[in-house]
PDB file of all heavy atoms in Angstrom:
ATOM      1  N   ARG A   1      11.738  24.142 -46.095  1.00  0.00           N
ATOM      2  CA  ARG A   1      12.785  25.098 -45.787  1.00  0.00           C
ATOM      3  C   ARG A   1      13.652  25.315 -47.016  1.00  0.00           C
ATOM      4  O   ARG A   1      14.252  24.371 -47.531  1.00  0.00           O
ATOM      5  CB  ARG A   1      13.645  24.656 -44.596  1.00  0.00           C
ATOM      6  CG  ARG A   1      14.593  25.766 -44.141  1.00  0.00           C
ATOM      7  CD  ARG A   1      15.404  25.416 -42.917  1.00  0.00           C
ATOM      8  NE  ARG A   1      16.577  24.614 -43.255  1.00  0.00           N
ATOM      9  CZ  ARG A   1      17.685  24.594 -42.505  1.00  0.00           C
ATOM     10  NH1 ARG A   1      17.762  25.294 -41.401  1.00  0.00           N
ATOM     11  NH2 ARG A   1      18.701  23.818 -42.861  1.00  0.00           N
ATOM     12  N   LEU A   2      13.711  26.559 -47.444  1.00  0.00           N
ATOM     13  CA  LEU A   2      14.569  26.947 -48.559  1.00  0.00           C
ATOM     14  C   LEU A   2      15.902  27.437 -47.998  1.00  0.00           C
ATOM     15  O   LEU A   2      15.951  28.059 -46.939  1.00  0.00           O
ATOM     16  CB  LEU A   2      13.926  28.044 -49.402  1.00  0.00           C
ATOM     17  CG  LEU A   2      12.530  27.754 -49.934  1.00  0.00           C
ATOM     18  CD1 LEU A   2      12.084  28.935 -50.796  1.00  0.00           C
ATOM     19  CD2 LEU A   2      12.485  26.472 -50.737  1.00  0.00           C
ATOM     20  N   SER A   3      16.973  27.156 -48.760  1.00  0.00           N
ATOM     21  CA  SER A   3      18.297  27.640 -48.409  1.00  0.00           C
ATOM     22  C   SER A   3      18.868  28.407 -49.598  1.00  0.00           C
ATOM     23  O   SER A   3      18.558  28.097 -50.763  1.00  0.00           O
ATOM     24  CB  SER A   3      19.227  26.473 -48.080  1.00  0.00           C
ATOM     25  OG  SER A   3      18.756  25.742 -46.995  1.00  0.00           O
ATOM     26  N   CYS A   4      19.711  29.379 -49.299  1.00  0.00           N
ATOM     27  CA  CYS A   4      20.387  30.139 -50.345  1.00  0.00           C
ATOM     28  C   CYS A   4      21.832  30.346 -49.889  1.00  0.00           C
ATOM     29  O   CYS A   4      22.075  31.042 -48.896  1.00  0.00           O
ATOM     30  CB  CYS A   4      19.702  31.469 -50.574  1.00  0.00           C
ATOM     31  SG  CYS A   4      20.590  32.559 -51.713  1.00  0.00           S
ATOM     32  N   ALA A   5      22.741  29.741 -50.612  1.00  0.00           N
ATOM     33  CA  ALA A   5      24.162  29.873 -50.321  1.00  0.00           C
ATOM     34  C   ALA A   5      24.748  30.992 -51.177  1.00  0.00           C
ATOM     35  O   ALA A   5      24.519  31.023 -52.394  1.00  0.00           O
ATOM     36  CB  ALA A   5      24.881  28.560 -50.581  1.00  0.00           C
ATOM     37  N   ALA A   6      25.505  31.856 -50.545  1.00  0.00           N
ATOM     38  CA  ALA A   6      26.063  33.016 -51.245  1.00  0.00           C
ATOM     39  C   ALA A   6      27.587  32.961 -51.258  1.00  0.00           C
ATOM     40  O   ALA A   6      28.210  32.436 -50.305  1.00  0.00           O
ATOM     41  CB  ALA A   6      25.625  34.298 -50.561  1.00  0.00           C
ATOM     42  N   SER A   7      28.166  33.483 -52.319  1.00  0.00           N
ATOM     43  CA  SER A   7      29.625  33.597 -52.384  1.00  0.00           C
ATOM     44  C   SER A   7      30.026  34.943 -51.790  1.00  0.00           C
ATOM     45  O   SER A   7      29.187  35.811 -51.546  1.00  0.00           O
ATOM     46  CB  SER A   7      30.111  33.473 -53.819  1.00  0.00           C
ATOM     47  OG  SER A   7      29.620  34.564 -54.601  1.00  0.00           O
ATOM     48  N   GLY A   8      31.336  35.101 -51.586  1.00  0.00           N
ATOM     49  CA  GLY A   8      31.821  36.380 -51.118  1.00  0.00           C
ATOM     50  C   GLY A   8      32.320  36.326 -49.690  1.00  0.00           C
ATOM     51  O   GLY A   8      31.941  35.450 -48.902  1.00  0.00           O
ATOM     52  N   SER A   9      33.179  37.286 -49.385  1.00  0.00           N
ATOM     53  CA  SER A   9      33.838  37.295 -48.060  1.00  0.00           C
ATOM     54  C   SER A   9      33.156  38.178 -47.039  1.00  0.00           C
ATOM     55  O   SER A   9      33.557  38.204 -45.869  1.00  0.00           O
ATOM     56  CB  SER A   9      35.288  37.763 -48.245  1.00  0.00           C
ATOM     57  OG  SER A   9      35.984  36.920 -49.141  1.00  0.00           O
ATOM     58  N   TYR A  10      32.142  38.924 -47.479  1.00  0.00           N
ATOM     59  CA  TYR A  10      31.518  39.900 -46.571  1.00  0.00           C
ATOM     60  C   TYR A  10      30.018  39.651 -46.457  1.00  0.00           C
ATOM     61  O   TYR A  10      29.222  40.585 -46.423  1.00  0.00           O
ATOM     62  CB  TYR A  10      31.772  41.322 -47.070  1.00  0.00           C
ATOM     63  CG  TYR A  10      33.259  41.616 -47.156  1.00  0.00           C
ATOM     64  CD1 TYR A  10      33.935  41.543 -48.364  1.00  0.00           C
ATOM     65  CD2 TYR A  10      33.989  41.962 -46.029  1.00  0.00           C
ATOM     66  CE1 TYR A  10      35.282  41.795 -48.454  1.00  0.00           C
ATOM     67  CE2 TYR A  10      35.343  42.221 -46.099  1.00  0.00           C
ATOM     68  CZ  TYR A  10      35.974  42.151 -47.329  1.00  0.00           C
ATOM     69  OH  TYR A  10      37.334  42.392 -47.397  1.00  0.00           O
ATOM     70  N   PHE A  11      29.653  38.365 -46.422  1.00  0.00           N
ATOM     71  CA  PHE A  11      28.223  37.991 -46.406  1.00  0.00           C
ATOM     72  C   PHE A  11      27.493  38.695 -45.272  1.00  0.00           C
ATOM     73  O   PHE A  11      26.320  39.048 -45.429  1.00  0.00           O
ATOM     74  CB  PHE A  11      28.096  36.467 -46.256  1.00  0.00           C
ATOM     75  CG  PHE A  11      26.670  36.012 -46.136  1.00  0.00           C
ATOM     76  CD1 PHE A  11      25.878  35.904 -47.263  1.00  0.00           C
ATOM     77  CD2 PHE A  11      26.121  35.660 -44.918  1.00  0.00           C
ATOM     78  CE1 PHE A  11      24.563  35.478 -47.193  1.00  0.00           C
ATOM     79  CE2 PHE A  11      24.806  35.227 -44.816  1.00  0.00           C
ATOM     80  CZ  PHE A  11      24.029  35.123 -45.947  1.00  0.00           C
ATOM     81  N   ASN A  12      28.178  38.896 -44.144  1.00  0.00           N
ATOM     82  CA  ASN A  12      27.470  39.488 -43.012  1.00  0.00           C
ATOM     83  C   ASN A  12      27.007  40.912 -43.269  1.00  0.00           C
ATOM     84  O   ASN A  12      26.161  41.437 -42.559  1.00  0.00           O
ATOM     85  CB  ASN A  12      28.376  39.454 -41.767  1.00  0.00           C
ATOM     86  CG  ASN A  12      29.638  40.263 -41.959  1.00  0.00           C
ATOM     87  OD1 ASN A  12      30.368  40.069 -42.902  1.00  0.00           O
ATOM     88  ND2 ASN A  12      29.910  41.181 -41.058  1.00  0.00           N
ATOM     89  N   THR A  13      27.534  41.541 -44.352  1.00  0.00           N
ATOM     90  CA  THR A  13      27.107  42.895 -44.698  1.00  0.00           C
ATOM     91  C   THR A  13      25.999  42.920 -45.750  1.00  0.00           C
ATOM     92  O   THR A  13      25.430  43.990 -46.025  1.00  0.00           O
ATOM     93  CB  THR A  13      28.292  43.712 -45.227  1.00  0.00           C
ATOM     94  OG1 THR A  13      28.720  43.179 -46.488  1.00  0.00           O
ATOM     95  CG2 THR A  13      29.459  43.711 -44.249  1.00  0.00           C
ATOM     96  N   TYR A  14      25.700  41.756 -46.345  1.00  0.00           N
ATOM     97  CA  TYR A  14      24.689  41.715 -47.416  1.00  0.00           C
ATOM     98  C   TYR A  14      23.290  41.844 -46.799  1.00  0.00           C
ATOM     99  O   TYR A  14      22.970  41.221 -45.790  1.00  0.00           O
ATOM    100  CB  TYR A  14      24.723  40.381 -48.160  1.00  0.00           C
ATOM    101  CG  TYR A  14      26.025  40.014 -48.845  1.00  0.00           C
ATOM    102  CD1 TYR A  14      26.161  38.748 -49.410  1.00  0.00           C
ATOM    103  CD2 TYR A  14      27.112  40.863 -48.902  1.00  0.00           C
ATOM    104  CE1 TYR A  14      27.327  38.348 -50.026  1.00  0.00           C
ATOM    105  CE2 TYR A  14      28.282  40.496 -49.501  1.00  0.00           C
ATOM    106  CZ  TYR A  14      28.394  39.218 -50.069  1.00  0.00           C
ATOM    107  OH  TYR A  14      29.566  38.810 -50.663  1.00  0.00           O
ATOM    108  N   VAL A  15      22.436  42.598 -47.477  1.00  0.00           N
ATOM    109  CA  VAL A  15      21.015  42.561 -47.179  1.00  0.00           C
ATOM    110  C   VAL A  15      20.420  41.443 -48.030  1.00  0.00           C
ATOM    111  O   VAL A  15      20.519  41.466 -49.262  1.00  0.00           O
ATOM    112  CB  VAL A  15      20.337  43.892 -47.524  1.00  0.00           C
ATOM    113  CG1 VAL A  15      18.818  43.787 -47.279  1.00  0.00           C
ATOM    114  CG2 VAL A  15      20.928  45.023 -46.679  1.00  0.00           C
ATOM    115  N   MET A  16      19.829  40.466 -47.393  1.00  0.00           N
ATOM    116  CA  MET A  16      19.346  39.282 -48.088  1.00  0.00           C
ATOM    117  C   MET A  16      17.828  39.225 -48.101  1.00  0.00           C
ATOM    118  O   MET A  16      17.178  39.616 -47.130  1.00  0.00           O
ATOM    119  CB  MET A  16      19.865  38.002 -47.399  1.00  0.00           C
ATOM    120  CG  MET A  16      21.374  37.901 -47.353  1.00  0.00           C
ATOM    121  SD  MET A  16      22.141  37.812 -48.989  1.00  0.00           S
ATOM    122  CE  MET A  16      21.427  36.283 -49.640  1.00  0.00           C
ATOM    123  N   GLY A  17      17.290  38.752 -49.186  1.00  0.00           N
ATOM    124  CA  GLY A  17      15.838  38.660 -49.301  1.00  0.00           C
ATOM    125  C   GLY A  17      15.389  37.444 -50.070  1.00  0.00           C
ATOM    126  O   GLY A  17      16.169  36.840 -50.797  1.00  0.00           O
ATOM    127  N   TRP A  18      14.138  37.109 -49.854  1.00  0.00           N
ATOM    128  CA  TRP A  18      13.465  36.076 -50.653  1.00  0.00           C
ATOM    129  C   TRP A  18      12.303  36.739 -51.375  1.00  0.00           C
ATOM    130  O   TRP A  18      11.532  37.498 -50.770  1.00  0.00           O
ATOM    131  CB  TRP A  18      12.932  34.964 -49.769  1.00  0.00           C
ATOM    132  CG  TRP A  18      13.985  34.029 -49.254  1.00  0.00           C
ATOM    133  CD1 TRP A  18      14.594  34.063 -48.036  1.00  0.00           C
ATOM    134  CD2 TRP A  18      14.556  32.936 -49.966  1.00  0.00           C
ATOM    135  NE1 TRP A  18      15.500  33.041 -47.934  1.00  0.00           N
ATOM    136  CE2 TRP A  18      15.493  32.324 -49.113  1.00  0.00           C
ATOM    137  CE3 TRP A  18      14.362  32.369 -51.216  1.00  0.00           C
ATOM    138  CZ2 TRP A  18      16.258  31.206 -49.471  1.00  0.00           C
ATOM    139  CZ3 TRP A  18      15.097  31.263 -51.585  1.00  0.00           C
ATOM    140  CH2 TRP A  18      16.050  30.701 -50.731  1.00  0.00           C
ATOM    141  N   TYR A  19      12.198  36.449 -52.663  1.00  0.00           N
ATOM    142  CA  TYR A  19      11.105  36.915 -53.504  1.00  0.00           C
ATOM    143  C   TYR A  19      10.455  35.702 -54.121  1.00  0.00           C
ATOM    144  O   TYR A  19      11.002  34.619 -54.131  1.00  0.00           O
ATOM    145  CB  TYR A  19      11.638  37.831 -54.606  1.00  0.00           C
ATOM    146  CG  TYR A  19      12.114  39.189 -54.137  1.00  0.00           C
ATOM    147  CD1 TYR A  19      13.261  39.324 -53.375  1.00  0.00           C
ATOM    148  CD2 TYR A  19      11.414  40.336 -54.461  1.00  0.00           C
ATOM    149  CE1 TYR A  19      13.699  40.559 -52.955  1.00  0.00           C
ATOM    150  CE2 TYR A  19      11.836  41.584 -54.044  1.00  0.00           C
ATOM    151  CZ  TYR A  19      12.973  41.681 -53.289  1.00  0.00           C
ATOM    152  OH  TYR A  19      13.418  42.901 -52.873  1.00  0.00           O
ATOM    153  N   ARG A  20       9.266  35.912 -54.666  1.00  0.00           N
ATOM    154  CA  ARG A  20       8.604  34.809 -55.377  1.00  0.00           C
ATOM    155  C   ARG A  20       7.842  35.356 -56.564  1.00  0.00           C
ATOM    156  O   ARG A  20       7.427  36.505 -56.598  1.00  0.00           O
ATOM    157  CB  ARG A  20       7.665  34.026 -54.457  1.00  0.00           C
ATOM    158  CG  ARG A  20       6.452  34.807 -53.953  1.00  0.00           C
ATOM    159  CD  ARG A  20       5.703  33.959 -52.929  1.00  0.00           C
ATOM    160  NE  ARG A  20       4.506  34.633 -52.455  1.00  0.00           N
ATOM    161  CZ  ARG A  20       3.748  34.190 -51.446  1.00  0.00           C
ATOM    162  NH1 ARG A  20       4.049  33.053 -50.854  1.00  0.00           N
ATOM    163  NH2 ARG A  20       2.687  34.881 -51.076  1.00  0.00           N
ATOM    164  N   GLN A  21       7.669  34.484 -57.541  1.00  0.00           N
ATOM    165  CA  GLN A  21       6.917  34.852 -58.741  1.00  0.00           C
ATOM    166  C   GLN A  21       6.012  33.686 -59.142  1.00  0.00           C
ATOM    167  O   GLN A  21       6.525  32.606 -59.495  1.00  0.00           O
ATOM    168  CB  GLN A  21       7.833  35.251 -59.873  1.00  0.00           C
ATOM    169  CG  GLN A  21       7.113  35.819 -61.077  1.00  0.00           C
ATOM    170  CD  GLN A  21       8.050  36.479 -62.064  1.00  0.00           C
ATOM    171  OE1 GLN A  21       9.264  36.282 -62.048  1.00  0.00           O
ATOM    172  NE2 GLN A  21       7.472  37.328 -62.918  1.00  0.00           N
ATOM    173  N   ALA A  22       4.727  33.932 -59.067  1.00  0.00           N
ATOM    174  CA  ALA A  22       3.754  32.933 -59.497  1.00  0.00           C
ATOM    175  C   ALA A  22       3.448  33.135 -60.977  1.00  0.00           C
ATOM    176  O   ALA A  22       3.659  34.233 -61.517  1.00  0.00           O
ATOM    177  CB  ALA A  22       2.480  33.081 -58.674  1.00  0.00           C
ATOM    178  N   PRO A  23       2.980  32.110 -61.659  1.00  0.00           N
ATOM    179  CA  PRO A  23       2.667  32.229 -63.097  1.00  0.00           C
ATOM    180  C   PRO A  23       1.704  33.377 -63.366  1.00  0.00           C
ATOM    181  O   PRO A  23       0.669  33.527 -62.714  1.00  0.00           O
ATOM    182  CB  PRO A  23       2.025  30.890 -63.420  1.00  0.00           C
ATOM    183  CG  PRO A  23       2.593  29.946 -62.421  1.00  0.00           C
ATOM    184  CD  PRO A  23       2.744  30.743 -61.162  1.00  0.00           C
ATOM    185  N   GLY A  24       2.074  34.240 -64.303  1.00  0.00           N
ATOM    186  CA  GLY A  24       1.212  35.330 -64.696  1.00  0.00           C
ATOM    187  C   GLY A  24       1.217  36.509 -63.744  1.00  0.00           C
ATOM    188  O   GLY A  24       0.441  37.447 -63.919  1.00  0.00           O
ATOM    189  N   LYS A  25       2.069  36.454 -62.711  1.00  0.00           N
ATOM    190  CA  LYS A  25       2.105  37.530 -61.724  1.00  0.00           C
ATOM    191  C   LYS A  25       3.493  38.148 -61.669  1.00  0.00           C
ATOM    192  O   LYS A  25       4.485  37.550 -62.101  1.00  0.00           O
ATOM    193  CB  LYS A  25       1.705  37.005 -60.348  1.00  0.00           C
ATOM    194  CG  LYS A  25       0.249  36.559 -60.271  1.00  0.00           C
ATOM    195  CD  LYS A  25      -0.148  36.243 -58.827  1.00  0.00           C
ATOM    196  CE  LYS A  25      -1.607  35.860 -58.748  1.00  0.00           C
ATOM    197  NZ  LYS A  25      -2.022  35.584 -57.340  1.00  0.00           N
ATOM    198  N   GLN A  26       3.570  39.346 -61.093  1.00  0.00           N
ATOM    199  CA  GLN A  26       4.860  40.003 -60.918  1.00  0.00           C
ATOM    200  C   GLN A  26       5.596  39.390 -59.742  1.00  0.00           C
ATOM    201  O   GLN A  26       5.011  38.842 -58.799  1.00  0.00           O
ATOM    202  CB  GLN A  26       4.633  41.503 -60.666  1.00  0.00           C
ATOM    203  CG  GLN A  26       4.147  42.253 -61.885  1.00  0.00           C
ATOM    204  CD  GLN A  26       4.157  43.750 -61.654  1.00  0.00           C
ATOM    205  OE1 GLN A  26       4.028  44.231 -60.547  1.00  0.00           O
ATOM    206  NE2 GLN A  26       4.318  44.509 -62.737  1.00  0.00           N
ATOM    207  N   ARG A  27       6.916  39.512 -59.813  1.00  0.00           N
ATOM    208  CA  ARG A  27       7.739  39.045 -58.681  1.00  0.00           C
ATOM    209  C   ARG A  27       7.446  39.923 -57.471  1.00  0.00           C
ATOM    210  O   ARG A  27       7.359  41.155 -57.594  1.00  0.00           O
ATOM    211  CB  ARG A  27       9.221  39.141 -59.050  1.00  0.00           C
ATOM    212  CG  ARG A  27      10.140  38.430 -58.105  1.00  0.00           C
ATOM    213  CD  ARG A  27      11.552  38.407 -58.630  1.00  0.00           C
ATOM    214  NE  ARG A  27      11.659  37.631 -59.864  1.00  0.00           N
ATOM    215  CZ  ARG A  27      12.823  37.311 -60.447  1.00  0.00           C
ATOM    216  NH1 ARG A  27      13.963  37.692 -59.885  1.00  0.00           N
ATOM    217  NH2 ARG A  27      12.818  36.613 -61.570  1.00  0.00           N
ATOM    218  N   GLU A  28       7.308  39.290 -56.309  1.00  0.00           N
ATOM    219  CA  GLU A  28       6.984  40.041 -55.091  1.00  0.00           C
ATOM    220  C   GLU A  28       7.938  39.698 -53.964  1.00  0.00           C
ATOM    221  O   GLU A  28       8.447  38.566 -53.887  1.00  0.00           O
ATOM    222  CB  GLU A  28       5.534  39.751 -54.647  1.00  0.00           C
ATOM    223  CG  GLU A  28       5.272  38.305 -54.278  1.00  0.00           C
ATOM    224  CD  GLU A  28       3.856  38.080 -53.749  1.00  0.00           C
ATOM    225  OE1 GLU A  28       3.092  39.056 -53.655  1.00  0.00           O
ATOM    226  OE2 GLU A  28       3.552  36.926 -53.438  1.00  0.00           O
ATOM    227  N   LEU A  29       8.138  40.659 -53.097  1.00  0.00           N
ATOM    228  CA  LEU A  29       8.969  40.441 -51.935  1.00  0.00           C
ATOM    229  C   LEU A  29       8.264  39.545 -50.942  1.00  0.00           C
ATOM    230  O   LEU A  29       7.088  39.756 -50.629  1.00  0.00           O
ATOM    231  CB  LEU A  29       9.312  41.789 -51.268  1.00  0.00           C
ATOM    232  CG  LEU A  29      10.080  41.718 -49.969  1.00  0.00           C
ATOM    233  CD1 LEU A  29      11.490  41.158 -50.178  1.00  0.00           C
ATOM    234  CD2 LEU A  29      10.148  43.105 -49.319  1.00  0.00           C
ATOM    235  N   VAL A  30       8.965  38.558 -50.409  1.00  0.00           N
ATOM    236  CA  VAL A  30       8.412  37.686 -49.381  1.00  0.00           C
ATOM    237  C   VAL A  30       8.972  38.070 -48.010  1.00  0.00           C
ATOM    238  O   VAL A  30       8.216  38.259 -47.048  1.00  0.00           O
ATOM    239  CB  VAL A  30       8.759  36.217 -49.691  1.00  0.00           C
ATOM    240  CG1 VAL A  30       8.308  35.319 -48.534  1.00  0.00           C
ATOM    241  CG2 VAL A  30       8.135  35.784 -50.995  1.00  0.00           C
ATOM    242  N   ALA A  31      10.284  38.171 -47.926  1.00  0.00           N
ATOM    243  CA  ALA A  31      10.912  38.477 -46.646  1.00  0.00           C
ATOM    244  C   ALA A  31      12.310  39.029 -46.886  1.00  0.00           C
ATOM    245  O   ALA A  31      12.935  38.738 -47.898  1.00  0.00           O
ATOM    246  CB  ALA A  31      10.993  37.252 -45.758  1.00  0.00           C
ATOM    247  N   ILE A  32      12.782  39.830 -45.936  1.00  0.00           N
ATOM    248  CA  ILE A  32      14.100  40.428 -46.048  1.00  0.00           C
ATOM    249  C   ILE A  32      14.761  40.401 -44.682  1.00  0.00           C
ATOM    250  O   ILE A  32      14.064  40.467 -43.657  1.00  0.00           O
ATOM    251  CB  ILE A  32      13.965  41.878 -46.598  1.00  0.00           C
ATOM    252  CG1 ILE A  32      15.348  42.425 -46.982  1.00  0.00           C
ATOM    253  CG2 ILE A  32      13.290  42.784 -45.606  1.00  0.00           C
ATOM    254  CD1 ILE A  32      15.231  43.717 -47.796  1.00  0.00           C
TER     255      ILE A  32
END
């Protein structure tokens, strides 16, 4: 389980996503 803590007072309005980048590959969207 990965966690990502964010700063700011309006977190509930942020669109959040997870991306990944494997060696030699472009960064890709995992989930939003």
